[in-house]
Amino acid sequence: MEGLRLSIFLFLLQLSYTCSYPHGPRGAALLKGDPDVLTRSIHGQDDRWVPVWTAMPQLVEPPNLPPAPFNGSTATFTNTTLRQTIHLTAHTSSIRLVLSNVFGTTPLPITRATIALSRQQNATSNASGAGSPTVDPTTLVMLSFNGGYPNVTISEGATVLSDAIDFAAEAQADVSFRGSVRFGTQDAHLTRYFISALLTSSSSSHHHTSLVLIGDSLTDGRGSTTDANNRWPDQLLSLLHSNATSPLRGPLSIPNQAAGGNALLLPPSASGPNGPPALARLDRDVLSLPGGPSHVLVFIGINDIGVTAATESAQANIAAALTAGYKELVTREREVARQMVNTWIRGSQMAGWFDGVVDLDKAVRNDFKGGSMLRADLDPGDHLHLNVKGYGVLARAVFGFGEELGM
């Protein structure tokens, strides 16, 4: 019919995947997700920044703090240059570094920072150059921040992203970061690494596989050879790059977000575990990584069992809690995807994709629970569908939308 205009309206997803399992002390599991579609521009091209190396921000325990004179009574690392080595898990062409002061309670001033390829110290040392105090000077590059400044102060509890630079390196190469701290940090609340991630640009036209590992000392490498990069994630990386028929060949990185003594559920204590539990740090260390993980391998939980009393009832409780915790990991991945989709839908009308949007998610969600759960009075019990009252809410939302449009 000539002149008839078809109006398309898209209803937001109101499905709630949030788990009802209780929070509390609760093999490896592989979760599959969808990469983030956020892009950034560098050198005139649309690129997606993805991590090729990560270190989980973790508070340093007192026994592991640096010795004097680097650890004074009023400041740590005063007039000190730190070198920290990174073992790349993927090829890089352009990079950015994420520096962390997540556990700091005072600002952290970085007065100068450089990056370069590490150089093998001698013929008897390991082949990679990990742990070597020397670098290849022809690869040395100064880092800058905030559009060209050579120094930066990282606020307490914050991270900072360096400017993008050209830096070509092969997968499994060792890179040396050097950062100078002139005035030091005014407390002992340090993270083990000042660097929390090294990112490289990945063209949005190429699929990049990011396998993020979340685990404990078994994945962090307790028992492996210092500076030899022979932990099981390192050996996996070698296998993948040496196997020409591997389905994972191509743009691939393996960010390792494991930490010794870490648990899935139990918080840190004097007798263990160490660091924020995996379930608490999932959003920060996995789901919020730039570029978004394509896969997550979960290998954690033994420390929850190990520090729990060796009684039948206590072990039965922790086994049940761990099972619920693993289920919640999967649930959280789904919820992030749902929120990503809804965010796009909410902006789709402005972008001209749809003529209108009915926000059914907003109509039935419980804002006091972070907007990720249905209102209890509308939930029939499966946390997915709606009861009769809930369907009435949907009907009124659509009716009100129609009245606004004069349908």
Protein backbone atom coordinates (compact mmCIF):
# COMPACT_ATOMS: atom_id res chain seq x y z
CA MET A 1 0.00 0.00 0.00
CA GLU A 2 1.62 3.24 -1.13
CA GLY A 3 2.51 5.63 1.64
CA LEU A 4 2.33 2.98 4.38
CA ARG A 5 5.27 3.28 6.77
CA LEU A 6 6.22 0.23 8.78
CA SER A 7 7.17 1.15 12.35
CA ILE A 8 9.38 -1.32 14.17
CA PHE A 9 9.51 -1.30 17.94
CA LEU A 10 12.03 -3.32 19.90
CA PHE A 11 11.24 -4.45 23.45
CA LEU A 12 14.18 -4.59 25.84
CA LEU A 13 15.08 -7.96 27.24
CA GLN A 14 13.54 -8.31 30.67
CA LEU A 15 14.94 -11.79 31.22
CA SER A 16 16.88 -11.96 34.46
CA TYR A 17 19.74 -14.43 34.60
CA THR A 18 20.89 -13.34 38.02
CA CYS A 19 21.44 -16.31 40.26
CA SER A 20 19.53 -16.81 43.47
CA TYR A 21 22.30 -18.85 45.07
CA PRO A 22 23.41 -17.46 48.44
CA HIS A 23 26.73 -15.67 48.70
CA GLY A 24 29.19 -17.13 51.16
CA PRO A 25 31.99 -19.65 51.52
CA ARG A 26 31.18 -22.17 48.81
CA GLY A 27 38.34 -29.54 38.01
CA ALA A 28 38.56 -26.59 35.64
CA ALA A 29 35.55 -25.11 33.87
CA LEU A 30 35.56 -23.30 30.53
CA LEU A 31 33.12 -20.44 30.04
CA LYS A 32 32.50 -18.94 26.62
CA GLY A 33 31.50 -15.33 26.21
CA ASP A 34 31.22 -12.65 23.56
CA PRO A 35 33.99 -10.08 22.98
CA ASP A 36 33.26 -6.47 23.73
CA VAL A 37 32.67 -4.37 20.64
CA LEU A 38 34.18 -1.16 22.02
CA THR A 39 36.76 0.27 19.63
CA ARG A 40 39.37 2.95 19.82
CA SER A 41 41.15 4.82 17.05
CA ILE A 42 44.92 4.72 16.60
CA HIS A 43 46.86 5.84 13.53
CA GLY A 44 43.58 6.49 11.73
CA GLN A 45 42.28 2.91 12.03
CA ASP A 46 39.53 1.42 14.16
CA ASP A 47 41.19 -0.96 16.60
CA ARG A 48 40.10 -2.92 19.59
CA TRP A 49 42.51 -2.92 22.51
CA VAL A 50 43.04 -6.40 23.94
CA PRO A 51 45.29 -7.62 26.78
CA VAL A 52 48.30 -9.77 25.88
CA TRP A 53 49.59 -9.85 29.46
CA THR A 54 47.93 -9.21 32.82
CA ALA A 55 48.71 -9.36 36.52
CA MET A 56 45.91 -9.54 39.05
CA PRO A 57 46.09 -6.51 41.38
CA GLN A 58 46.76 -7.93 44.83
CA LEU A 59 47.78 -6.41 48.14
CA VAL A 60 51.34 -7.36 49.11
CA GLU A 61 51.49 -9.22 52.40
CA PRO A 62 53.91 -7.71 54.98
CA PRO A 63 56.49 -10.55 54.67
CA ASN A 64 56.72 -9.86 50.92
CA LEU A 65 57.27 -6.11 51.17
CA PRO A 66 60.65 -4.85 49.88
CA PRO A 67 63.55 -4.62 52.35
CA ALA A 68 65.22 -1.42 53.52
CA PRO A 69 66.13 1.08 52.18
CA PHE A 70 63.26 0.67 49.71
CA ASN A 71 60.70 0.25 52.47
CA GLY A 72 61.08 3.10 54.95
CA SER A 73 58.97 4.16 57.90
CA THR A 74 57.30 6.98 55.97
CA ALA A 75 57.46 5.91 52.33
CA THR A 76 58.11 2.94 50.06
CA PHE A 77 60.28 3.07 46.92
CA THR A 78 61.54 6.65 47.41
CA ASN A 79 63.90 7.65 44.55
CA THR A 80 63.65 4.15 43.15
CA THR A 81 63.49 2.74 39.63
CA LEU A 82 61.61 -0.53 39.36
CA ARG A 83 62.03 -3.07 36.59
CA GLN A 84 59.23 -5.52 35.96
CA THR A 85 59.33 -8.15 33.21
CA ILE A 86 56.39 -9.09 31.02
CA HIS A 87 56.16 -12.33 29.02
CA LEU A 88 53.97 -11.53 26.02
CA THR A 89 51.31 -14.04 25.01
CA ALA A 90 50.62 -12.51 21.59
CA HIS A 91 52.26 -10.44 18.86
CA THR A 92 52.13 -6.68 19.32
CA SER A 93 52.41 -3.75 16.94
CA SER A 94 51.00 -0.90 19.04
CA ILE A 95 50.68 -1.06 22.81
CA ARG A 96 49.33 0.70 25.88
CA LEU A 97 50.03 -0.14 29.52
CA VAL A 98 47.61 -0.07 32.44
CA LEU A 99 49.42 0.98 35.63
CA SER A 100 47.75 0.29 38.96
CA ASN A 101 47.50 1.86 42.38
CA VAL A 102 44.38 -0.13 43.23
CA PHE A 103 45.41 -0.91 46.81
CA GLY A 104 47.21 2.37 47.46
CA THR A 105 45.83 4.74 50.06
CA THR A 106 47.94 7.68 48.83
CA PRO A 107 48.74 8.89 45.27
CA LEU A 108 51.53 7.09 43.41
CA PRO A 109 53.79 9.44 41.37
CA ILE A 110 55.49 7.88 38.34
CA THR A 111 58.12 10.37 37.16
CA ARG A 112 59.47 8.42 34.17
CA ALA A 113 58.62 5.13 32.47
CA THR A 114 60.15 3.18 29.60
CA ILE A 115 59.65 -0.13 27.88
CA ALA A 116 62.06 -2.25 25.86
CA LEU A 117 62.72 -5.83 24.81
CA SER A 118 64.70 -7.75 27.41
CA ARG A 119 68.07 -9.14 26.37
CA GLN A 120 69.53 -12.52 27.28
CA GLN A 121 72.27 -11.91 29.84
CA ASN A 122 74.64 -14.70 28.83
CA ALA A 123 74.76 -18.03 27.05
CA THR A 124 73.99 -20.01 30.19
CA SER A 125 70.89 -18.03 31.16
CA ASN A 126 67.41 -18.86 29.99
CA ALA A 127 66.82 -18.22 26.31
CA SER A 128 64.09 -15.66 26.75
CA GLY A 129 65.81 -12.98 28.79
CA ALA A 130 63.28 -13.11 31.63
CA GLY A 131 64.83 -11.77 34.80
CA SER A 132 67.70 -10.20 32.90
CA PRO A 133 68.78 -6.74 34.10
CA THR A 134 69.67 -5.68 30.55
CA VAL A 135 67.55 -4.59 27.60
CA ASP A 136 68.05 -4.11 23.88
CA PRO A 137 68.69 -0.33 23.78
CA THR A 138 67.57 -0.11 20.14
CA THR A 139 64.04 -1.02 21.26
CA LEU A 140 63.83 1.40 24.20
CA VAL A 141 60.74 3.64 24.08
CA MET A 142 59.63 6.33 26.53
CA LEU A 143 56.05 6.04 27.76
CA SER A 144 53.78 9.05 27.96
CA PHE A 145 50.44 9.76 29.59
CA ASN A 146 47.42 11.99 29.07
CA GLY A 147 48.43 13.05 25.58
CA GLY A 148 52.21 13.35 25.81
CA TYR A 149 53.23 13.99 29.43
CA PRO A 150 56.26 11.94 30.58
CA ASN A 151 55.00 11.61 34.16
CA VAL A 152 51.74 10.77 35.86
CA THR A 153 50.33 10.53 39.36
CA ILE A 154 47.97 7.62 39.95
CA SER A 155 45.28 8.41 42.48
CA GLU A 156 44.73 6.05 45.38
CA GLY A 157 42.58 3.10 44.37
CA ALA A 158 42.87 3.95 40.68
CA THR A 159 44.56 2.85 37.46
CA VAL A 160 45.96 4.89 34.57
CA LEU A 161 46.29 4.10 30.86
CA SER A 162 49.43 5.13 28.98
CA ASP A 163 49.32 6.74 25.56
CA ALA A 164 49.47 4.42 22.56
CA ILE A 165 52.95 3.81 21.09
CA ASP A 166 54.35 1.72 18.24
CA PHE A 167 56.08 -1.30 19.74
CA ALA A 168 56.55 -4.45 17.68
CA ALA A 169 57.24 -7.71 19.50
CA GLU A 170 56.57 -11.38 18.91
CA ALA A 171 54.50 -13.68 21.06
CA GLN A 172 56.54 -15.21 23.92
CA ALA A 173 59.00 -12.32 23.87
CA ASP A 174 60.04 -10.75 27.18
CA VAL A 175 59.52 -7.04 27.65
CA SER A 176 61.07 -4.94 30.41
CA PHE A 177 59.11 -2.09 31.98
CA ARG A 178 61.03 0.45 34.07
CA GLY A 179 59.26 3.00 36.18
CA SER A 180 60.83 5.67 38.37
CA VAL A 181 59.18 6.67 41.64
CA ARG A 182 60.81 9.85 42.96
CA PHE A 183 58.86 10.58 46.12
CA GLY A 184 57.65 7.07 46.77
CA THR A 185 54.25 5.94 47.92
CA GLN A 186 53.43 7.02 51.45
CA ASP A 187 52.27 3.66 52.74
CA ALA A 188 52.93 -0.04 52.40
CA HIS A 189 49.70 -0.83 50.56
CA LEU A 190 51.36 -1.94 47.33
CA THR A 191 50.33 -4.20 44.50
CA ARG A 192 52.74 -6.90 43.40
CA TYR A 193 52.99 -5.40 39.93
CA PHE A 194 52.59 -1.71 39.11
CA ILE A 195 51.48 -2.94 35.68
CA SER A 196 48.07 -4.61 35.62
CA ALA A 197 47.86 -5.10 31.85
CA LEU A 198 49.70 -4.64 28.59
CA LEU A 199 47.30 -4.05 25.71
CA THR A 200 47.81 -4.30 21.98
CA SER A 201 45.63 -3.06 19.17
CA SER A 202 43.66 -5.69 17.30
CA SER A 203 41.97 -4.69 14.09
CA SER A 204 38.21 -5.03 14.39
CA SER A 205 38.26 -6.88 11.04
CA HIS A 206 40.16 -9.77 12.62
CA HIS A 207 38.81 -12.06 15.32
CA HIS A 208 41.02 -12.08 18.39
CA THR A 209 40.74 -14.98 20.81
CA SER A 210 41.35 -14.03 24.42
CA LEU A 211 41.56 -16.96 26.84
CA VAL A 212 41.53 -15.46 30.34
CA LEU A 213 42.74 -17.70 33.17
CA ILE A 214 41.37 -17.28 36.68
CA GLY A 215 43.01 -19.48 39.28
CA ASP A 216 45.34 -19.93 42.24
CA SER A 217 48.99 -20.92 42.74
CA LEU A 218 48.62 -23.89 40.37
CA THR A 219 48.06 -21.41 37.54
CA ASP A 220 50.30 -18.70 39.02
CA GLY A 221 53.15 -21.21 38.85
CA ARG A 222 54.16 -22.31 42.35
CA GLY A 223 56.78 -25.03 41.86
CA SER A 224 57.89 -23.87 38.40
CA THR A 225 61.36 -22.49 37.65
CA THR A 226 61.87 -18.82 38.50
CA ASP A 227 62.17 -16.65 35.36
CA ALA A 228 61.93 -19.66 33.04
CA ASN A 229 58.29 -19.19 31.99
CA ASN A 230 57.51 -22.91 32.27
CA ARG A 231 54.22 -22.73 34.17
CA TRP A 232 51.38 -24.67 32.54
CA PRO A 233 49.92 -21.50 30.90
CA ASP A 234 53.36 -20.77 29.40
CA GLN A 235 53.65 -24.33 28.10
CA LEU A 236 50.12 -24.13 26.71
CA LEU A 237 51.09 -20.95 24.87
CA SER A 238 54.14 -22.71 23.39
CA LEU A 239 52.00 -25.64 22.26
CA LEU A 240 49.49 -23.38 20.57
CA HIS A 241 52.14 -21.42 18.69
CA SER A 242 54.06 -24.54 17.64
CA ASN A 243 50.99 -26.42 16.40
CA ALA A 244 50.19 -25.24 12.89
CA THR A 245 46.87 -27.12 12.85
CA SER A 246 45.57 -25.76 16.16
CA PRO A 247 42.07 -24.27 15.77
CA LEU A 248 43.18 -21.52 18.16
CA ARG A 249 46.02 -20.33 15.92
CA GLY A 250 45.76 -16.75 14.79
CA PRO A 251 45.33 -13.69 16.96
CA LEU A 252 45.43 -15.26 20.43
CA SER A 253 46.35 -14.07 23.90
CA ILE A 254 46.26 -15.79 27.31
CA PRO A 255 45.89 -13.19 30.08
CA ASN A 256 46.74 -14.90 33.37
CA GLN A 257 44.66 -13.53 36.26
CA ALA A 258 45.71 -16.16 38.79
CA ALA A 259 47.16 -15.49 42.23
CA GLY A 260 48.87 -17.77 44.72
CA GLY A 261 46.65 -18.72 47.64
CA ASN A 262 43.52 -17.39 45.96
CA ALA A 263 40.08 -18.91 46.58
CA LEU A 264 36.80 -18.92 44.73
CA LEU A 265 34.72 -17.75 47.68
CA LEU A 266 36.66 -17.29 50.91
CA PRO A 267 38.08 -13.84 51.71
CA PRO A 268 41.75 -13.31 52.65
CA SER A 269 42.82 -14.07 56.21
CA ALA A 270 46.02 -14.49 58.20
CA SER A 271 45.92 -18.26 57.68
CA GLY A 272 44.82 -18.01 54.04
CA PRO A 273 43.49 -17.63 51.42
CA ASN A 274 45.18 -14.61 49.81
CA GLY A 275 43.70 -11.78 47.77
CA PRO A 276 40.11 -10.99 46.83
CA PRO A 277 38.21 -14.22 46.08
CA ALA A 278 37.66 -15.02 42.42
CA LEU A 279 33.91 -14.51 42.58
CA ALA A 280 34.42 -11.02 44.03
CA ARG A 281 37.06 -10.03 41.47
CA LEU A 282 35.39 -11.56 38.39
CA ASP A 283 34.03 -8.24 37.12
CA ARG A 284 37.32 -6.35 37.66
CA ASP A 285 39.78 -9.00 36.49
CA VAL A 286 37.83 -10.78 33.74
CA LEU A 287 34.59 -9.27 32.49
CA SER A 288 35.86 -5.68 32.49
CA LEU A 289 39.13 -6.39 30.66
CA PRO A 290 39.52 -4.18 27.57
CA GLY A 291 38.19 -5.92 24.49
CA GLY A 292 36.25 -8.41 26.58
CA PRO A 293 37.30 -12.07 26.96
CA SER A 294 36.20 -14.56 24.34
CA HIS A 295 36.83 -17.46 26.72
CA VAL A 296 37.46 -17.84 30.45
CA LEU A 297 39.12 -20.88 31.99
CA VAL A 298 38.28 -21.31 35.68
CA PHE A 299 40.68 -23.49 37.69
CA ILE A 300 40.17 -22.57 41.32
CA GLY A 301 38.55 -23.85 44.50
CA ILE A 302 41.13 -26.08 46.16
CA ASN A 303 42.06 -23.39 48.70
CA ASP A 304 38.42 -23.04 49.75
CA ILE A 305 38.46 -26.74 50.58
CA GLY A 306 41.95 -26.71 52.11
CA VAL A 307 41.30 -23.99 54.71
CA THR A 308 37.89 -25.36 55.69
CA ALA A 309 37.73 -27.58 58.77
CA ALA A 310 38.27 -31.25 57.96
CA THR A 311 34.92 -32.35 59.37
CA GLU A 312 32.25 -34.12 57.39
CA SER A 313 29.70 -31.35 57.82
CA ALA A 314 32.12 -28.49 57.05
CA GLN A 315 33.43 -30.21 53.94
CA ALA A 316 29.89 -30.99 52.76
CA ASN A 317 28.96 -27.33 53.21
CA ILE A 318 31.96 -26.03 51.31
CA ALA A 319 31.34 -28.53 48.49
CA ALA A 320 27.75 -27.29 48.13
CA ALA A 321 28.87 -23.67 48.32
CA LEU A 322 31.56 -24.19 45.64
CA THR A 323 29.00 -25.76 43.32
CA ALA A 324 26.74 -22.73 43.78
CA GLY A 325 29.72 -20.42 43.25
CA TYR A 326 30.62 -22.01 39.91
CA LYS A 327 27.01 -21.62 38.80
CA GLU A 328 27.13 -17.96 39.75
CA LEU A 329 30.26 -17.45 37.61
CA VAL A 330 28.30 -18.60 34.57
CA THR A 331 25.32 -16.49 35.60
CA ARG A 332 27.44 -13.34 35.89
CA GLU A 333 28.74 -13.83 32.33
CA ARG A 334 25.19 -14.02 31.02
CA GLU A 335 24.12 -10.95 32.98
CA VAL A 336 26.97 -8.90 31.51
CA ALA A 337 25.90 -9.92 28.00
CA ARG A 338 22.27 -9.02 28.78
CA GLN A 339 23.27 -5.58 30.04
CA MET A 340 25.44 -5.00 26.95
CA VAL A 341 22.53 -5.83 24.67
CA ASN A 342 20.13 -3.64 26.62
CA THR A 343 22.57 -0.73 26.58
CA TRP A 344 22.72 -0.95 22.80
CA ILE A 345 18.94 -1.21 22.52
CA ARG A 346 18.43 1.86 24.68
CA GLY A 347 20.61 3.87 22.31
CA SER A 348 19.27 2.31 19.11
CA GLN A 349 16.37 4.73 18.77
CA MET A 350 18.71 7.72 18.82
CA ALA A 351 20.86 5.97 16.22
CA GLY A 352 17.85 5.52 13.95
CA TRP A 353 17.62 1.75 14.11
CA PHE A 354 14.13 1.63 15.65
CA ASP A 355 11.23 4.02 15.88
CA GLY A 356 10.83 3.49 19.59
CA VAL A 357 11.90 1.42 22.58
CA VAL A 358 9.74 -0.03 25.35
CA ASP A 359 11.98 -0.54 28.38
CA LEU A 360 10.45 -3.68 29.86
CA ASP A 361 13.64 -4.31 31.82
CA LYS A 362 13.12 -1.05 33.72
CA ALA A 363 9.45 -1.88 34.27
CA VAL A 364 10.07 -5.12 36.18
CA ARG A 365 13.56 -4.95 37.65
CA ASN A 366 14.46 -4.51 41.31
CA ASP A 367 16.60 -1.37 41.42
CA PHE A 368 17.49 -2.04 45.04
CA LYS A 369 19.30 -5.22 43.89
CA GLY A 370 21.46 -3.39 41.35
CA GLY A 371 18.93 -3.74 38.55
CA SER A 372 19.91 -7.35 37.85
CA MET A 373 16.99 -9.16 39.48
CA LEU A 374 13.25 -9.22 39.01
CA ARG A 375 11.06 -7.54 41.59
CA ALA A 376 10.17 -10.20 44.13
CA ASP A 377 6.42 -9.46 43.84
CA LEU A 378 6.58 -10.15 40.08
CA ASP A 379 8.73 -13.31 40.25
CA PRO A 380 6.90 -16.69 40.12
CA GLY A 381 10.01 -18.33 41.58
CA ASP A 382 12.20 -19.21 38.61
CA HIS A 383 13.82 -15.73 38.38
CA LEU A 384 13.10 -15.72 34.64
CA HIS A 385 9.39 -15.51 33.91
CA LEU A 386 6.70 -13.28 35.40
CA ASN A 387 3.58 -13.96 37.41
CA VAL A 388 0.16 -12.53 36.52
CA LYS A 389 0.94 -9.27 38.29
CA GLY A 390 4.21 -9.01 36.37
CA TYR A 391 2.51 -9.57 33.04
CA GLY A 392 0.12 -6.81 34.00
CA VAL A 393 3.09 -4.49 34.48
CA LEU A 394 4.34 -5.38 30.99
CA ALA A 395 0.91 -4.77 29.51
CA ARG A 396 0.64 -1.34 31.11
CA ALA A 397 4.14 -0.43 29.96
CA VAL A 398 3.31 -1.28 26.35
CA PHE A 399 -0.11 0.41 26.63
CA GLY A 400 1.48 3.61 27.96
CA PHE A 401 4.05 3.52 25.18
CA GLY A 402 1.30 3.17 22.58
CA GLU A 403 -0.63 6.09 24.05
CA GLU A 404 2.46 8.29 23.86
CA LEU A 405 2.76 7.51 20.15
CA GLY A 406 -0.97 7.88 19.52
CA MET A 407 -1.20 4.35 18.17
